[in-house]
Amino acid sequence: MKSTTNGASMLLTGATSGLGLAVARTLAAIPDWTVLATARSRARVEELRALLGDPANFRYVVCDQADLASVREATENIKNLIAAQEIPSLRSLVLNAGIQTGSTDSATADGYELTFGTNLVGPHLLVGLLSEVLTAPTRIVAIGSGTHYGKFRRSYGMVAAPRWEAPETLARPRVGDGIRAYSTSKLGTLYWVHELARRAPRHIDAICYDPGMMPGTGLARDRSAIERFGWKYLLPAMRVVPGVSTPVRSAAQLTAVATAKDSLPRADLRGGYVEIDRPVPSSPESHDPGRERDLFEFLDTATGLDSRQVAPWWSKGAESTA
């Protein structure tokens, strides 16, 4: 069956809760976008379908970023939908799925530390395998976090500052602080966005979007009882403070960026950092071409990506002018 929906397609990962669910609900009211919404299991897909009321412009894809076989299967399903013209061309990727845990001793299905594997390895394979079917112009929006700054104002003591190490070390399960692993993975997300922007042709914009702190969401579910209480009941009173937001507000802004309906200068977006509704400088530490290249190349190796699987520009080490 060929698509009866005009416009373009968007991939939205992690659509079942929090910011992702709020974005999905926003997109359900924009019929000129076909949305490929992912969930990590068939049961979660059915939950999402019920939560959304199964809007006509939505398709659902099982994709568990902690399992590279699941990511490969998801990308094959998406490519088949495009090849059969069952969905419009793919012009937006919103990489929202991610996790935060309490320790670093758990592993993905492929043996990578769970936070690093889910927040960096899985998305890298997903985008790499879809790179050859992206249609100009495309926006790839990775979800960042103010925790990458390592400043008190950005997390109010809830998240330890990032501590970057060689990707080979960060990818290995070990005894350690899972909360710090989360902020470190968000620093890694900026490295990944910067390197992707350096390699991608001009019609593909890689952007890091920070939705701000969103107290009351499920982000603190693995914390202590006191921390969960503060996150759920005390911090929401701070929503008037700069850098603090709600899922609904941030979802509206993220949707505008992902669909190119924002009013932000494109020069600020490519490889840039958007906090809620405005471009801001990311941390000085987040700009390191050596780390950016090393991470990208490590992720290529970790996922087994090679030139036969990705768009020609993907493996270029210098900025493309295509």
Protein backbone atom coordinates (compact mmCIF):
# COMPACT_ATOMS: atom_id res chain seq x y z
CA MET A 1 0.00 0.00 0.00
CA LYS A 2 1.47 3.34 -1.02
CA SER A 3 1.40 6.30 1.31
CA THR A 4 -1.58 8.60 1.13
CA THR A 5 0.18 11.14 3.34
CA ASN A 6 1.84 14.14 1.73
CA GLY A 7 4.92 15.83 3.08
CA ALA A 8 7.78 13.96 4.70
CA SER A 9 8.61 11.34 7.31
CA MET A 10 10.22 11.77 10.71
CA LEU A 11 11.80 9.13 12.91
CA LEU A 12 11.07 9.74 16.61
CA THR A 13 12.85 7.43 19.04
CA GLY A 14 11.82 6.94 22.64
CA ALA A 15 8.24 8.02 22.02
CA THR A 16 6.57 6.16 24.88
CA SER A 17 7.09 8.55 27.81
CA GLY A 18 8.28 11.96 28.98
CA LEU A 19 9.52 14.33 26.31
CA GLY A 20 9.16 11.74 23.55
CA LEU A 21 5.49 11.14 24.31
CA ALA A 22 4.85 14.88 24.45
CA VAL A 23 6.50 15.30 21.03
CA ALA A 24 4.45 12.40 19.66
CA ARG A 25 1.23 14.03 20.85
CA THR A 26 2.30 17.31 19.24
CA LEU A 27 3.08 15.57 15.94
CA ALA A 28 -0.25 13.74 15.93
CA ALA A 29 -1.81 17.12 15.14
CA ILE A 30 0.53 17.78 12.18
CA PRO A 31 -0.82 15.49 9.43
CA ASP A 32 1.68 16.56 6.77
CA TRP A 33 4.38 14.65 8.69
CA THR A 34 4.37 10.86 8.79
CA VAL A 35 5.88 9.80 12.10
CA LEU A 36 7.85 6.59 12.61
CA ALA A 37 7.65 6.26 16.38
CA THR A 38 9.90 3.73 18.09
CA ALA A 39 9.48 1.73 21.26
CA ARG A 40 11.79 -0.94 22.63
CA SER A 41 9.29 -3.82 22.47
CA ARG A 42 6.06 -4.83 20.75
CA ALA A 43 4.22 -4.46 24.06
CA ARG A 44 5.46 -0.87 24.40
CA VAL A 45 4.42 -0.18 20.81
CA GLU A 46 0.88 -1.24 21.63
CA GLU A 47 0.90 0.90 24.78
CA LEU A 48 2.00 3.90 22.72
CA ARG A 49 -0.64 3.25 20.08
CA ALA A 50 -3.30 3.27 22.80
CA LEU A 51 -1.90 6.39 24.48
CA LEU A 52 -1.97 8.33 21.20
CA GLY A 53 -5.30 7.02 19.95
CA ASP A 54 -3.50 5.58 16.89
CA PRO A 55 -3.35 8.77 14.76
CA ALA A 56 -3.51 8.26 11.00
CA ASN A 57 -0.08 9.81 10.37
CA PHE A 58 1.77 7.42 12.71
CA ARG A 59 3.65 4.20 12.00
CA TYR A 60 5.29 2.18 14.76
CA VAL A 61 8.69 0.50 14.83
CA VAL A 62 10.22 -1.77 17.47
CA CYS A 63 13.76 -0.56 18.17
CA ASP A 64 15.73 -1.31 21.31
CA GLN A 65 18.89 0.82 21.27
CA ALA A 66 20.49 -1.50 23.84
CA ASP A 67 20.40 -4.31 21.25
CA LEU A 68 22.18 -3.68 17.94
CA ALA A 69 20.32 -6.55 16.26
CA SER A 70 17.07 -4.76 17.09
CA VAL A 71 18.45 -1.52 15.65
CA ARG A 72 19.45 -3.28 12.43
CA GLU A 73 16.02 -4.88 12.11
CA ALA A 74 14.33 -1.52 12.70
CA THR A 75 16.35 0.20 9.99
CA GLU A 76 15.61 -2.58 7.51
CA ASN A 77 11.89 -2.20 8.23
CA ILE A 78 12.11 1.56 7.69
CA LYS A 79 14.07 1.17 4.44
CA ASN A 80 11.50 -1.31 3.18
CA LEU A 81 8.68 1.14 3.90
CA ILE A 82 10.54 3.84 1.96
CA ALA A 83 11.37 1.52 -0.95
CA ALA A 84 7.72 0.43 -1.20
CA GLN A 85 6.64 4.09 -1.10
CA GLU A 86 4.45 3.34 1.91
CA ILE A 87 5.83 6.41 3.65
CA PRO A 88 7.16 9.74 2.29
CA SER A 89 10.85 10.55 2.15
CA LEU A 90 12.75 10.58 5.44
CA ARG A 91 13.69 14.16 6.30
CA SER A 92 13.92 14.34 10.08
CA LEU A 93 15.43 12.18 12.82
CA VAL A 94 14.72 12.98 16.47
CA LEU A 95 17.03 10.90 18.66
CA ASN A 96 15.20 11.13 21.94
CA ALA A 97 15.58 7.61 23.36
CA GLY A 98 18.08 7.28 26.18
CA ILE A 99 18.50 6.07 29.74
CA GLN A 100 19.95 7.05 33.09
CA THR A 101 20.84 4.35 35.60
CA GLY A 102 22.40 4.17 39.03
CA SER A 103 25.58 2.27 38.17
CA THR A 104 27.90 1.35 35.31
CA ASP A 105 28.09 -2.41 35.85
CA SER A 106 25.21 -3.39 33.55
CA ALA A 107 25.69 -4.21 29.88
CA THR A 108 23.72 -4.02 26.66
CA ALA A 109 22.95 -7.12 24.63
CA ASP A 110 26.25 -6.53 22.82
CA GLY A 111 28.36 -6.11 25.96
CA TYR A 112 28.66 -2.32 26.13
CA GLU A 113 28.11 -0.37 29.35
CA LEU A 114 24.37 0.19 29.39
CA THR A 115 24.26 4.01 29.40
CA PHE A 116 27.05 4.42 26.84
CA GLY A 117 25.59 1.67 24.66
CA THR A 118 22.02 2.95 24.74
CA ASN A 119 22.76 6.68 24.51
CA LEU A 120 25.63 6.58 21.99
CA VAL A 121 26.27 3.22 20.32
CA GLY A 122 22.66 2.43 19.42
CA PRO A 123 21.82 5.87 17.97
CA HIS A 124 25.07 5.90 15.97
CA LEU A 125 24.16 2.62 14.24
CA LEU A 126 20.59 3.79 13.68
CA VAL A 127 21.64 7.00 11.94
CA GLY A 128 24.48 5.36 10.07
CA LEU A 129 22.25 2.72 8.52
CA LEU A 130 19.60 5.31 7.62
CA SER A 131 22.13 7.81 6.23
CA GLU A 132 21.74 6.55 2.66
CA VAL A 133 17.97 7.13 2.59
CA LEU A 134 17.87 10.66 4.02
CA THR A 135 16.31 13.20 1.65
CA ALA A 136 17.38 16.83 1.44
CA PRO A 137 16.91 18.89 3.46
CA THR A 138 17.27 16.78 6.60
CA ARG A 139 17.54 17.64 10.28
CA ILE A 140 19.09 15.17 12.71
CA VAL A 141 18.26 16.30 16.24
CA ALA A 142 20.01 14.57 19.14
CA ILE A 143 18.71 15.22 22.64
CA GLY A 144 21.32 16.76 24.87
CA SER A 145 21.35 17.83 28.50
CA GLY A 146 22.59 20.76 30.52
CA THR A 147 24.29 18.21 32.77
CA HIS A 148 27.16 18.16 30.25
CA TYR A 149 28.28 21.56 31.62
CA GLY A 150 29.05 20.03 35.01
CA LYS A 151 27.67 23.14 36.74
CA PHE A 152 25.41 23.25 39.79
CA ARG A 153 22.86 25.52 38.09
CA ARG A 154 22.35 22.98 35.33
CA SER A 155 21.34 20.09 37.59
CA TYR A 156 21.04 21.59 41.10
CA GLY A 157 23.23 18.84 42.49
CA MET A 158 21.14 16.01 41.04
CA VAL A 159 23.75 14.90 38.48
CA ALA A 160 27.51 14.57 38.84
CA ALA A 161 29.72 16.42 36.36
CA PRO A 162 30.85 14.45 33.30
CA ARG A 163 34.24 12.79 33.28
CA TRP A 164 35.42 11.99 29.78
CA GLU A 165 37.72 9.04 29.18
CA ALA A 166 38.75 7.07 26.12
CA PRO A 167 35.64 5.62 24.41
CA GLU A 168 37.07 2.12 24.92
CA THR A 169 36.98 2.74 28.67
CA LEU A 170 33.54 4.35 28.77
CA ALA A 171 32.10 1.50 26.70
CA ARG A 172 33.22 -1.16 29.18
CA PRO A 173 30.92 -2.24 32.07
CA ARG A 174 32.65 -1.47 35.37
CA VAL A 175 32.03 -0.37 38.93
CA GLY A 176 31.12 3.31 38.83
CA ASP A 177 28.58 6.11 39.11
CA GLY A 178 25.75 5.64 36.62
CA ILE A 179 24.58 9.21 37.11
CA ARG A 180 27.99 10.52 36.06
CA ALA A 181 27.85 8.09 33.13
CA TYR A 182 24.65 9.84 32.02
CA SER A 183 26.17 13.34 32.02
CA THR A 184 29.26 11.94 30.31
CA SER A 185 27.10 10.36 27.61
CA LYS A 186 25.50 13.76 27.01
CA LEU A 187 28.95 15.31 26.61
CA GLY A 188 29.54 12.49 24.13
CA THR A 189 26.33 13.39 22.32
CA LEU A 190 27.76 16.86 21.65
CA TYR A 191 31.01 15.34 20.40
CA TRP A 192 28.96 13.12 18.08
CA VAL A 193 26.83 16.03 16.80
CA HIS A 194 29.90 18.17 16.11
CA GLU A 195 31.64 15.40 14.17
CA LEU A 196 28.47 14.53 12.24
CA ALA A 197 28.03 18.19 11.29
CA ARG A 198 31.64 18.25 10.16
CA ARG A 199 31.17 15.21 7.90
CA ALA A 200 27.64 15.66 6.58
CA PRO A 201 26.79 17.48 3.34
CA ARG A 202 25.27 20.92 3.55
CA HIS A 203 21.69 19.71 3.23
CA ILE A 204 21.95 17.65 6.43
CA ASP A 205 21.96 19.62 9.69
CA ALA A 206 23.02 17.89 12.90
CA ILE A 207 21.68 19.70 15.97
CA CYS A 208 21.86 19.08 19.72
CA TYR A 209 18.62 20.04 21.48
CA ASP A 210 18.56 20.51 25.26
CA PRO A 211 14.96 20.42 26.55
CA GLY A 212 16.04 21.90 29.87
CA MET A 213 15.44 20.40 33.27
CA MET A 214 11.94 18.93 33.37
CA PRO A 215 11.15 18.19 37.04
CA GLY A 216 8.33 15.75 37.64
CA THR A 217 9.24 13.40 34.78
CA GLY A 218 10.52 9.85 35.31
CA LEU A 219 14.21 10.76 35.00
CA ALA A 220 14.84 10.32 38.73
CA ARG A 221 13.16 6.93 39.08
CA ASP A 222 16.46 5.22 40.01
CA ARG A 223 17.38 7.78 42.70
CA SER A 224 16.95 7.70 46.46
CA ALA A 225 13.55 8.34 48.00
CA ILE A 226 14.58 11.85 49.07
CA GLU A 227 15.86 12.71 45.59
CA ARG A 228 12.70 11.36 43.96
CA PHE A 229 10.57 13.44 46.32
CA GLY A 230 12.50 16.61 45.51
CA TRP A 231 12.42 15.93 41.77
CA LYS A 232 8.70 15.25 41.73
CA TYR A 233 7.36 17.76 44.25
CA LEU A 234 9.90 20.51 45.01
CA LEU A 235 11.82 21.23 41.80
CA PRO A 236 8.66 21.72 39.67
CA ALA A 237 8.17 25.00 41.56
CA MET A 238 11.36 26.20 39.81
CA ARG A 239 9.90 26.10 36.31
CA VAL A 240 10.09 29.89 36.11
CA VAL A 241 13.90 29.67 36.41
CA PRO A 242 15.89 29.86 33.14
CA GLY A 243 16.84 26.41 31.90
CA VAL A 244 13.87 24.72 33.59
CA SER A 245 10.92 23.65 31.47
CA THR A 246 8.03 21.21 31.07
CA PRO A 247 7.65 18.34 28.59
CA VAL A 248 4.82 20.16 26.81
CA ARG A 249 6.76 23.40 26.38
CA SER A 250 9.97 21.70 25.28
CA ALA A 251 8.08 19.32 22.99
CA ALA A 252 6.59 22.26 21.11
CA GLN A 253 10.01 23.86 20.66
CA LEU A 254 11.68 20.57 19.72
CA THR A 255 8.97 19.84 17.16
CA ALA A 256 9.50 23.27 15.59
CA VAL A 257 13.25 22.60 15.29
CA ALA A 258 12.76 19.07 13.94
CA THR A 259 10.24 20.20 11.30
CA ALA A 260 12.19 23.37 10.38
CA LYS A 261 9.32 25.56 11.55
CA ASP A 262 11.48 27.41 14.04
CA SER A 263 12.68 30.96 13.54
CA LEU A 264 16.27 30.25 14.58
CA PRO A 265 19.12 31.17 12.21
CA ARG A 266 20.33 28.07 10.38
CA ALA A 267 23.92 29.13 10.98
CA ASP A 268 23.29 28.67 14.71
CA LEU A 269 21.72 25.25 14.22
CA ARG A 270 24.20 23.20 12.19
CA GLY A 271 26.40 21.58 14.81
CA GLY A 272 24.81 23.93 17.34
CA TYR A 273 23.24 23.65 20.76
CA VAL A 274 19.68 24.80 21.39
CA GLU A 275 18.47 25.16 24.96
CA ILE A 276 14.66 25.00 24.98
CA ASP A 277 14.00 27.87 22.55
CA ARG A 278 17.33 29.58 21.88
CA PRO A 279 20.83 28.74 20.65
CA VAL A 280 23.41 28.94 23.42
CA PRO A 281 27.10 28.01 23.62
CA SER A 282 27.70 24.48 24.84
CA SER A 283 30.49 23.97 27.37
CA PRO A 284 34.09 24.71 26.39
CA GLU A 285 34.90 21.05 27.03
CA SER A 286 32.32 19.99 24.44
CA HIS A 287 34.48 21.41 21.64
CA ASP A 288 37.36 19.02 21.07
CA PRO A 289 37.95 17.86 17.48
CA GLY A 290 40.26 15.06 18.64
CA ARG A 291 37.69 13.58 21.02
CA GLU A 292 34.94 14.07 18.45
CA ARG A 293 36.83 12.17 15.76
CA ASP A 294 37.95 9.42 18.15
CA LEU A 295 34.41 8.85 19.43
CA PHE A 296 32.89 8.76 15.96
CA GLU A 297 35.48 6.30 14.69
CA PHE A 298 35.14 4.14 17.81
CA LEU A 299 31.37 4.01 17.29
CA ASP A 300 31.85 3.00 13.66
CA THR A 301 34.02 0.12 14.83
CA ALA A 302 31.74 -0.84 17.72
CA THR A 303 28.71 -1.05 15.42
CA GLY A 304 30.50 -2.67 12.50
CA LEU A 305 29.58 0.13 10.12
CA ASP A 306 31.55 0.31 6.89
CA SER A 307 31.33 2.03 3.50
CA ARG A 308 28.99 -0.64 2.13
CA GLN A 309 26.32 0.21 4.70
CA VAL A 310 26.36 4.01 4.89
CA ALA A 311 26.10 7.07 2.68
CA PRO A 312 29.37 8.06 0.96
CA TRP A 313 29.78 11.14 3.16
CA TRP A 314 29.55 9.22 6.44
CA SER A 315 33.16 8.09 6.57
CA LYS A 316 34.74 11.34 5.42
CA GLY A 317 37.08 12.84 7.97
CA ALA A 318 36.85 16.39 6.68
CA GLU A 319 33.89 18.71 6.36
CA SER A 320 31.82 17.93 3.26
CA THR A 321 30.82 20.61 0.79
CA ALA A 322 28.39 18.42 -1.14
